[in-house]
Protein backbone atom coordinates (compact mmCIF):
# COMPACT_ATOMS: atom_id res chain seq x y z
CA UNK A 1 85.16 100.53 71.34
CA UNK A 2 85.72 100.18 67.58
CA UNK A 3 83.92 102.38 65.10
CA UNK A 4 82.01 99.34 63.84
CA UNK A 5 80.82 98.44 67.36
CA UNK A 6 79.87 102.06 68.01
CA UNK A 7 77.66 102.22 64.92
CA UNK A 8 76.10 98.85 65.78
CA UNK A 9 75.17 100.18 69.21
CA UNK A 10 73.72 103.32 67.62
CA UNK A 11 71.74 101.15 65.19
CA UNK A 12 69.94 99.57 68.15
CA UNK A 13 68.43 96.58 66.31
CA UNK A 14 68.93 93.38 68.27
CA UNK A 15 70.78 90.68 66.34
CA UNK A 16 71.91 93.06 63.58
CA UNK A 17 75.04 95.13 63.10
CA UNK A 18 76.63 97.67 60.77
CA UNK A 19 78.93 96.23 58.10
CA UNK A 20 82.51 97.53 58.20
CA UNK A 21 82.76 100.43 55.75
CA UNK A 22 79.02 100.13 55.14
CA UNK A 23 78.08 103.79 55.60
CA UNK A 24 77.88 106.05 52.56
CA UNK A 25 76.37 109.41 51.62
CA UNK A 26 74.27 109.38 48.45
CA UNK A 27 74.11 112.10 45.81
CA UNK A 28 70.79 113.36 47.20
CA UNK A 29 72.42 113.86 50.62
CA UNK A 30 70.77 110.87 52.31
CA UNK A 31 72.77 108.33 54.33
CA UNK A 32 72.75 104.61 53.53
CA UNK A 33 73.85 102.17 56.24
CA UNK A 34 74.61 98.57 55.19
CA UNK A 35 73.65 96.10 57.94
CA UNK A 36 73.78 92.33 58.36
CA UNK A 37 72.53 89.81 60.89
CA UNK A 38 74.64 88.75 63.88
CA UNK A 39 72.46 85.82 64.94
CA UNK A 40 71.19 82.67 63.28
CA UNK A 41 67.66 81.33 63.07
CA UNK A 42 64.89 82.44 60.78
CA UNK A 43 61.13 82.59 61.14
CA UNK A 44 58.27 82.54 58.67
CA UNK A 45 56.98 85.97 57.79
CA UNK A 46 53.47 84.59 57.35
CA UNK A 47 52.72 82.22 60.26
CA UNK A 48 55.64 83.02 62.59
CA UNK A 49 57.05 79.48 62.63
CA UNK A 50 60.66 79.66 63.89
CA UNK A 51 63.97 77.83 63.49
CA UNK A 52 63.64 77.50 59.72
CA UNK A 53 66.34 77.05 57.10
CA UNK A 54 67.03 79.56 54.35
CA UNK A 55 65.77 78.95 50.85
CA UNK A 56 67.64 81.79 49.14
CA UNK A 57 68.85 85.35 49.67
CA UNK A 58 67.06 88.34 48.15
CA UNK A 59 68.77 91.33 46.49
CA UNK A 60 69.56 94.21 48.89
CA UNK A 61 66.65 96.51 49.77
CA UNK A 62 66.77 100.07 51.09
CA UNK A 63 64.56 100.56 54.15
CA UNK A 64 63.80 104.07 55.46
CA UNK A 65 64.84 104.58 59.11
CA UNK A 66 65.26 107.40 61.64
CA UNK A 67 66.95 110.57 60.33
CA UNK A 68 70.64 110.76 61.21
CA UNK A 69 72.49 114.06 61.69
CA UNK A 70 69.67 115.92 59.93
CA UNK A 71 69.77 113.63 56.89
CA UNK A 72 67.36 111.01 55.62
CA UNK A 73 68.64 107.57 56.56
CA UNK A 74 68.19 104.21 54.82
CA UNK A 75 69.21 100.74 55.93
CA UNK A 76 70.49 98.44 53.18
CA UNK A 77 69.45 94.89 54.01
CA UNK A 78 69.57 91.46 52.36
CA UNK A 79 66.46 89.54 53.34
CA UNK A 80 66.19 85.78 52.99
CA UNK A 81 63.36 83.53 51.96
CA UNK A 82 62.61 80.53 54.14
CA UNK A 83 61.04 77.17 53.36
CA UNK A 84 58.15 76.90 55.82
CA UNK A 85 56.42 73.51 56.17
CA UNK A 86 53.05 75.32 56.48
CA UNK A 87 53.33 78.26 54.10
CA UNK A 88 55.96 77.18 51.58
CA UNK A 89 58.68 79.55 50.38
CA UNK A 90 58.10 83.01 51.89
CA UNK A 91 60.06 86.08 53.04
CA UNK A 92 61.45 85.76 56.57
CA UNK A 93 59.67 87.49 59.42
CA UNK A 94 61.44 90.27 61.36
CA UNK A 95 60.15 92.26 64.31
CA UNK A 96 61.70 95.58 63.25
CA UNK A 97 60.35 95.74 59.69
CA UNK A 98 57.11 94.37 58.29
CA UNK A 99 56.96 92.23 55.17
CA UNK A 100 57.28 94.24 51.96
CA UNK A 101 57.49 97.49 53.93
CA UNK A 102 59.77 100.29 52.73
CA UNK A 103 60.37 101.68 56.22
CA UNK A 104 61.21 100.30 59.65
CA UNK A 105 58.53 99.91 62.30
CA UNK A 106 60.21 102.51 64.48
CA UNK A 107 60.30 105.02 61.63
CA UNK A 108 56.56 104.52 61.06
CA UNK A 109 55.98 105.23 64.75
CA UNK A 110 58.20 108.30 64.51
CA UNK A 111 56.13 109.65 61.59
CA UNK A 112 52.86 108.81 63.36
CA UNK A 113 54.13 110.63 66.46
CA UNK A 114 54.85 113.73 64.37
CA UNK A 115 51.25 113.59 63.13
CA UNK A 116 50.10 114.07 66.73
CA UNK A 117 51.77 117.49 66.62
CA UNK A 118 51.63 118.63 62.99
CA UNK A 119 49.26 118.43 60.01
CA UNK A 120 49.87 115.52 57.65
CA UNK A 121 51.00 117.89 54.89
CA UNK A 122 53.66 119.45 57.16
CA UNK A 123 54.98 116.03 58.21
CA UNK A 124 55.15 114.99 54.55
CA UNK A 125 57.16 118.10 53.66
CA UNK A 126 59.45 117.68 56.69
CA UNK A 127 60.25 114.03 55.93
CA UNK A 128 60.22 114.17 52.13
CA UNK A 129 57.29 111.75 51.90
CA UNK A 130 54.00 111.87 50.03
CA UNK A 131 50.93 112.96 51.98
CA UNK A 132 49.30 109.61 51.21
CA UNK A 133 52.25 107.72 52.70
CA UNK A 134 52.15 109.78 55.90
CA UNK A 135 48.37 109.39 56.14
CA UNK A 136 48.63 105.59 55.79
CA UNK A 137 51.32 105.32 58.47
CA UNK A 138 49.42 107.55 60.86
CA UNK A 139 46.15 105.67 60.38
CA UNK A 140 47.82 102.28 60.81
CA UNK A 141 49.32 103.22 64.17
CA UNK A 142 46.15 104.93 65.35
CA UNK A 143 44.29 101.69 64.62
CA UNK A 144 46.86 99.67 66.56
CA UNK A 145 46.63 102.00 69.53
CA UNK A 146 42.84 101.91 69.35
CA UNK A 147 42.93 98.09 69.47
CA UNK A 148 44.88 98.32 72.76
CA UNK A 149 42.37 100.59 74.49
CA UNK A 150 41.49 99.41 77.97
CA UNK A 151 37.85 98.44 78.42
CA UNK A 152 37.05 100.36 81.59
CA UNK A 153 33.66 100.66 83.23
CA UNK A 154 31.94 104.04 83.02
CA UNK A 155 29.72 105.44 85.79
CA UNK A 156 28.55 108.64 84.11
CA UNK A 157 28.16 108.50 80.34
CA UNK A 158 27.67 111.56 78.11
CA UNK A 159 26.10 111.46 74.64
CA UNK A 160 26.34 114.46 72.34
CA UNK A 161 26.51 115.31 68.66
CA UNK A 162 29.23 116.99 66.61
CA UNK A 163 28.99 118.55 63.18
CA UNK A 164 31.09 116.70 60.62
CA UNK A 165 30.54 119.20 57.84
CA UNK A 166 28.05 121.75 56.56
CA UNK A 167 24.60 120.52 55.66
CA UNK A 168 23.56 119.16 59.05
CA UNK A 169 25.80 116.09 58.88
CA UNK A 170 26.24 114.97 62.48
CA UNK A 171 28.12 112.24 64.30
CA UNK A 172 27.39 111.03 67.83
CA UNK A 173 30.13 111.18 70.47
CA UNK A 174 30.19 109.20 73.71
CA UNK A 175 32.07 110.56 76.73
CA UNK A 176 33.26 109.26 80.07
CA UNK A 177 32.17 112.31 82.05
CA UNK A 178 34.31 111.49 85.10
CA UNK A 179 37.55 110.97 83.14
CA UNK A 180 36.62 113.70 80.63
CA UNK A 181 37.54 111.65 77.57
CA UNK A 182 35.88 110.37 74.41
CA UNK A 183 35.18 106.64 74.51
CA UNK A 184 33.44 106.19 71.18
CA UNK A 185 31.96 107.74 68.05
CA UNK A 186 29.38 106.68 65.48
CA UNK A 187 28.68 108.28 62.12
CA UNK A 188 25.07 109.40 62.62
CA UNK A 189 22.51 110.35 65.29
CA UNK A 190 20.22 107.49 64.28
CA UNK A 191 18.99 105.01 66.87
CA UNK A 192 20.50 102.07 65.01
CA UNK A 193 23.98 103.62 65.02
CA UNK A 194 23.77 104.57 68.71
CA UNK A 195 22.59 101.05 69.53
CA UNK A 196 25.61 99.70 67.64
CA UNK A 197 27.92 101.54 70.02
CA UNK A 198 26.20 100.02 73.05
CA UNK A 199 26.44 96.52 71.57
CA UNK A 200 30.19 97.00 71.15
CA UNK A 201 30.37 98.54 74.61
CA UNK A 202 29.11 95.25 76.01
CA UNK A 203 26.35 94.19 78.40
CA UNK A 204 28.57 94.18 81.47
CA UNK A 205 29.72 97.77 80.99
CA UNK A 206 26.20 98.91 80.02
CA UNK A 207 24.89 97.53 83.32
CA UNK A 208 27.56 99.47 85.24
CA UNK A 209 26.42 102.87 83.86
CA UNK A 210 24.61 104.78 86.62
CA UNK A 211 23.53 107.89 84.69
CA UNK A 212 23.55 109.10 81.09
CA UNK A 213 23.60 112.80 80.19
CA UNK A 214 22.19 113.59 76.74
CA UNK A 215 20.25 115.91 74.48
CA UNK A 216 16.44 115.80 74.41
CA UNK A 217 16.59 113.51 71.37
CA UNK A 218 14.29 110.48 71.17
CA UNK A 219 16.72 108.08 69.38
CA UNK A 220 19.28 108.65 72.17
CA UNK A 221 16.65 107.99 74.81
CA UNK A 222 15.38 104.83 73.10
CA UNK A 223 18.88 103.37 72.83
CA UNK A 224 19.78 104.15 76.44
CA UNK A 225 16.56 102.60 77.74
CA UNK A 226 17.15 99.48 75.67
CA UNK A 227 20.82 98.94 76.51
CA UNK A 228 21.51 100.72 79.84
CA UNK A 229 18.44 99.68 81.78
CA UNK A 230 19.96 100.51 85.16
CA UNK A 231 20.95 104.03 84.15
CA UNK A 232 19.11 107.22 85.07
CA UNK A 233 18.61 109.62 82.15
CA UNK A 234 19.78 113.21 82.75
CA UNK A 235 18.92 115.76 80.08
CA UNK A 236 21.83 118.13 79.56
CA UNK A 237 21.09 121.58 80.96
CA UNK A 238 23.01 123.32 78.16
CA UNK A 239 20.59 121.83 75.63
CA UNK A 240 17.64 122.98 77.75
CA UNK A 241 19.09 126.50 77.63
CA UNK A 242 19.44 126.13 73.86
CA UNK A 243 15.71 125.48 73.52
CA UNK A 244 15.06 128.50 75.74
CA UNK A 245 17.28 130.63 73.48
CA UNK A 246 15.44 129.32 70.41
CA UNK A 247 12.14 130.42 71.96
CA UNK A 248 13.18 134.01 72.66
CA UNK A 249 14.84 134.26 69.23
CA UNK A 250 11.58 133.11 67.60
CA UNK A 251 9.70 135.87 69.45
CA UNK A 252 12.30 138.48 68.43
CA UNK A 253 12.11 137.50 64.76
CA UNK A 254 8.33 137.54 64.75
CA UNK A 255 8.16 140.96 66.39
CA UNK A 256 10.76 142.36 64.01
CA UNK A 257 8.72 141.11 61.03
CA UNK A 258 5.45 142.78 62.11
CA UNK A 259 6.58 146.00 63.82
CA UNK A 260 6.99 149.47 62.33
CA UNK A 261 10.14 150.40 60.42
CA UNK A 262 11.36 152.60 63.26
CA UNK A 263 10.88 149.86 65.86
CA UNK A 264 12.38 147.28 63.48
CA UNK A 265 15.60 149.27 63.26
CA UNK A 266 15.92 149.08 67.05
CA UNK A 267 15.30 145.31 67.16
CA UNK A 268 17.49 144.42 64.18
CA UNK A 269 20.94 143.11 65.12
CA UNK A 270 20.12 142.63 68.82
CA UNK A 271 19.95 138.82 68.81
CA UNK A 272 22.86 138.20 71.17
CA UNK A 273 21.66 140.83 73.63
CA UNK A 274 18.46 138.84 74.23
CA UNK A 275 20.33 135.56 74.63
CA UNK A 276 23.03 136.78 76.99
CA UNK A 277 22.36 136.85 80.75
CA UNK A 278 21.68 140.39 81.96
CA UNK A 279 24.53 140.18 84.50
CA UNK A 280 26.96 139.80 81.58
CA UNK A 281 25.72 142.80 79.61
CA UNK A 282 27.40 146.17 79.45
CA UNK A 283 25.43 149.20 80.56
CA UNK A 284 24.84 150.47 77.02
CA UNK A 285 23.47 147.06 75.98
CA UNK A 286 21.10 146.99 78.95
CA UNK A 287 19.86 150.43 77.95
CA UNK A 288 19.20 149.18 74.40
CA UNK A 289 17.10 146.28 75.71
CA UNK A 290 15.20 148.55 78.10
CA UNK A 291 14.44 150.93 75.23
CA UNK A 292 13.03 148.09 73.10
CA UNK A 293 11.04 146.51 75.95
CA UNK A 294 9.48 149.90 76.75
CA UNK A 295 7.77 149.87 73.35
CA UNK A 296 7.36 146.11 72.74
CA UNK A 297 5.35 144.21 75.33
CA UNK A 298 5.86 140.78 73.74
CA UNK A 299 9.65 140.98 73.84
CA UNK A 300 9.48 142.23 77.40
CA UNK A 301 7.46 139.16 78.46
CA UNK A 302 9.83 136.82 76.60
CA UNK A 303 12.93 138.38 78.15
CA UNK A 304 11.53 138.28 81.69
CA UNK A 305 10.62 134.60 81.27
CA UNK A 306 14.14 133.89 80.03
CA UNK A 307 15.74 135.75 82.92
CA UNK A 308 13.46 134.06 85.49
CA UNK A 309 14.52 130.64 84.21
CA UNK A 310 18.11 131.34 85.34
CA UNK A 311 16.97 130.47 88.88
CA UNK A 312 15.86 126.96 87.86
CA UNK A 313 19.30 125.31 87.84
CA UNK A 314 20.24 127.19 91.01
CA UNK A 315 17.67 125.13 92.95
CA UNK A 316 19.32 122.98 95.61
CA UNK A 317 16.88 120.03 95.55
CA UNK A 318 14.69 118.22 93.06
CA UNK A 319 11.57 119.18 95.05
CA UNK A 320 12.50 122.87 94.90
CA UNK A 321 13.15 122.59 91.15
CA UNK A 322 9.80 120.86 90.54
CA UNK A 323 7.94 123.63 92.37
CA UNK A 324 9.83 126.35 90.48
CA UNK A 325 9.27 124.80 87.05
CA UNK A 326 5.57 124.31 87.71
CA UNK A 327 5.16 128.05 88.35
CA UNK A 328 7.38 129.03 85.41
CA UNK A 329 5.42 126.82 82.99
CA UNK A 330 2.19 128.43 84.22
CA UNK A 331 3.63 131.88 83.41
CA UNK A 332 4.64 130.65 79.93
CA UNK A 333 1.06 129.62 79.19
CA UNK A 334 -0.29 132.90 80.53
CA UNK A 335 2.13 134.87 78.32
CA UNK A 336 0.36 133.66 75.15
CA UNK A 337 3.74 133.58 73.42
CA UNK A 338 3.54 130.55 71.12
CA UNK A 339 7.29 129.68 71.19
CA UNK A 340 7.26 129.67 75.01
CA UNK A 341 4.04 127.62 75.14
CA UNK A 342 5.73 125.02 72.89
CA UNK A 343 8.82 125.12 75.11
CA UNK A 344 6.67 124.59 78.22
CA UNK A 345 5.04 121.52 76.66
CA UNK A 346 8.46 120.13 75.73
CA UNK A 347 9.79 120.61 79.27
CA UNK A 348 6.74 118.84 80.72
CA UNK A 349 7.23 115.95 78.30
CA UNK A 350 10.92 115.58 79.21
CA UNK A 351 10.64 116.56 82.88
CA UNK A 352 11.81 113.17 84.22
CA UNK A 353 15.25 113.66 82.68
CA UNK A 354 15.42 117.37 83.45
CA UNK A 355 14.78 116.85 87.17
CA UNK A 356 17.36 114.01 87.32
CA UNK A 357 20.03 116.71 87.05
CA UNK A 358 19.40 117.69 90.67
CA UNK A 359 20.33 114.17 91.83
CA UNK A 360 23.50 113.68 89.72
CA UNK A 361 24.63 117.22 88.79
CA UNK A 362 26.27 116.06 85.55
CA UNK A 363 26.41 117.93 82.23
CA UNK A 364 28.02 117.51 78.83
CA UNK A 365 30.13 120.61 79.44
CA UNK A 366 33.23 118.54 78.63
CA UNK A 367 32.01 118.48 75.02
CA UNK A 368 32.84 122.18 74.54
CA UNK A 369 36.57 121.65 75.01
CA UNK A 370 36.51 118.53 72.86
CA UNK A 371 34.61 120.34 70.08
CA UNK A 372 37.36 122.99 70.05
CA UNK A 373 39.92 120.22 69.51
CA UNK A 374 37.78 118.86 66.69
CA UNK A 375 37.80 122.29 65.01
CA UNK A 376 41.61 122.27 65.14
CA UNK A 377 41.62 118.79 63.57
CA UNK A 378 39.34 119.99 60.79
CA UNK A 379 41.84 122.72 59.94
CA UNK A 380 44.45 119.97 59.58
CA UNK A 381 42.02 118.47 57.13
CA UNK A 382 44.11 116.15 54.92
CA UNK A 383 42.72 112.63 54.92
CA UNK A 384 39.52 113.49 56.77
CA UNK A 385 37.39 112.39 53.82
CA UNK A 386 38.10 109.07 55.56
CA UNK A 387 35.68 109.38 58.48
CA UNK A 388 37.18 106.43 60.36
CA UNK A 389 40.56 108.17 60.31
CA UNK A 390 38.92 111.40 61.49
CA UNK A 391 37.29 109.54 64.40
CA UNK A 392 40.64 107.98 65.35
CA UNK A 393 42.23 111.45 65.33
CA UNK A 394 39.49 112.70 67.65
CA UNK A 395 40.03 109.79 70.04
CA UNK A 396 43.76 110.48 70.01
CA UNK A 397 43.39 114.25 70.50
CA UNK A 398 41.18 113.71 73.55
CA UNK A 399 43.57 111.28 75.24
CA UNK A 400 41.42 108.19 74.72
CA UNK A 401 44.13 106.16 72.95
CA UNK A 402 47.08 104.55 74.76
CA UNK A 403 50.50 106.06 74.09
CA UNK A 404 53.12 104.35 71.95
CA UNK A 405 54.96 103.39 75.14
CA UNK A 406 51.90 101.45 76.30
CA UNK A 407 51.95 99.15 73.27
CA UNK A 408 53.11 95.77 74.48
CA UNK A 409 55.76 94.75 71.92
CA UNK A 410 59.17 96.00 73.18
CA UNK A 411 60.63 95.85 69.65
CA UNK A 412 58.08 98.43 68.47
C-alpha cells in the first residue's frame, strides 16, 4: 500500500482522499492535511438536490478535524458552488461537514463526547478552543440526541422539584420510576408549566400511566387529574416525612424561644437529633435527648409522636395503615401541639394519595441520586445561565438521551 493510500484510509471520509505531498506541519505545531474528492456528483447544500453541475470553486478552507499524533489537525479543502434549479448558486452539501462550519461533524461529536466527561472549560483548554465554541458544539449535539429520544410508555411516573439556584427558584422533573431515568423537565412548579409537559407527553402515553408519585402540591395534583385521568395519585412518603420533620422542628424552636437560659443551652444545636430515627443515634445523643425530654414535656410529646409514626409505612395493607393513621391523628389532636395538629389536618386532607402507597409501593427515591448528579453539573457551571442547556445536561447525565452510536446517520 502506498503512503498516499495509507493516509486516505486513515482519513476515513468516503469519496475523499489525501493529496500526494499534502501533509505539512505549521509553525504553531498543528498538522494540515490537503484533501480532494475522488468521486463526481454534487448536491445542493440548501435543499439536498443531487447530481448538480459546478458553478465555481471556492478558495481552500481549513476545517478542524480529529487530533493526530497529539497535534491539532486541520483539513484543507476546496469547496465548490453549485447551480441549483431551486435555490440558485449555493455551496455544495457534504455529509461530513456542515455549511460554513469550521470543523468536521465528527470533530464536533468528539468535543461533545468530551463534555460528557469534563467541564466545558477543561475541554476548551484541552482542545485550544474558546469556551463559547465548546458550549455551542455540546448544546447542538445534545439537542440532536434529544430529538432522537424514543417515546416509550411509562407505567409509574414520578414528579419532583429541583432547586435551580438560591432564592427558591425551582424546576419540575419528571421520572420514569421503573427505568429510573428523567423523561422531562419544565422551568417552574406552576400548573401551567406542568400541564405543558403532559401536552407534549401526548394523550396516548398519559392514558398508559397507572400511578403518579408526587409531592403534596396542589398544582401537581391538578395537572395529573386533568391529563392522566386513569392514573392513581401516590403522595411520596419522603415528602410526608419532611412535613413531620417540619412539625417537630417548629416545636423545638418554639420551646427554645420560651424556655429558661439553662434549658435553652441544652436545646440549642440539637435539631438533627430530633429528626434522626432513634435507632440511628449514638448512645451519647440518646442521653442528650432523654435529658431534654425529662425537663420539657412538649418536646417529649413531639418526639414520641414522631417516633410512633415510623410504624405507619411498615404497615402491610392499606386497611392496617388507615387504622394506624386514625389513631395517630387522634393522639396529635390530644397533644395540643399546634404544628402537629396542622400536620394531622394536612394528612387527613391528602389521605387518598397517602394510602395509595400501600397499593403501589412507589416513591421518588430515585430523585436523590439524580439530584446528586445535578449538583455535580452545577459545579461544572459554564453555560448553565442557559437553562435549556442545563436541562439537556441533566437528561444526558441521567441516561435519558440516546448515545451517539444510536443516531441514525452512519456518516455522523
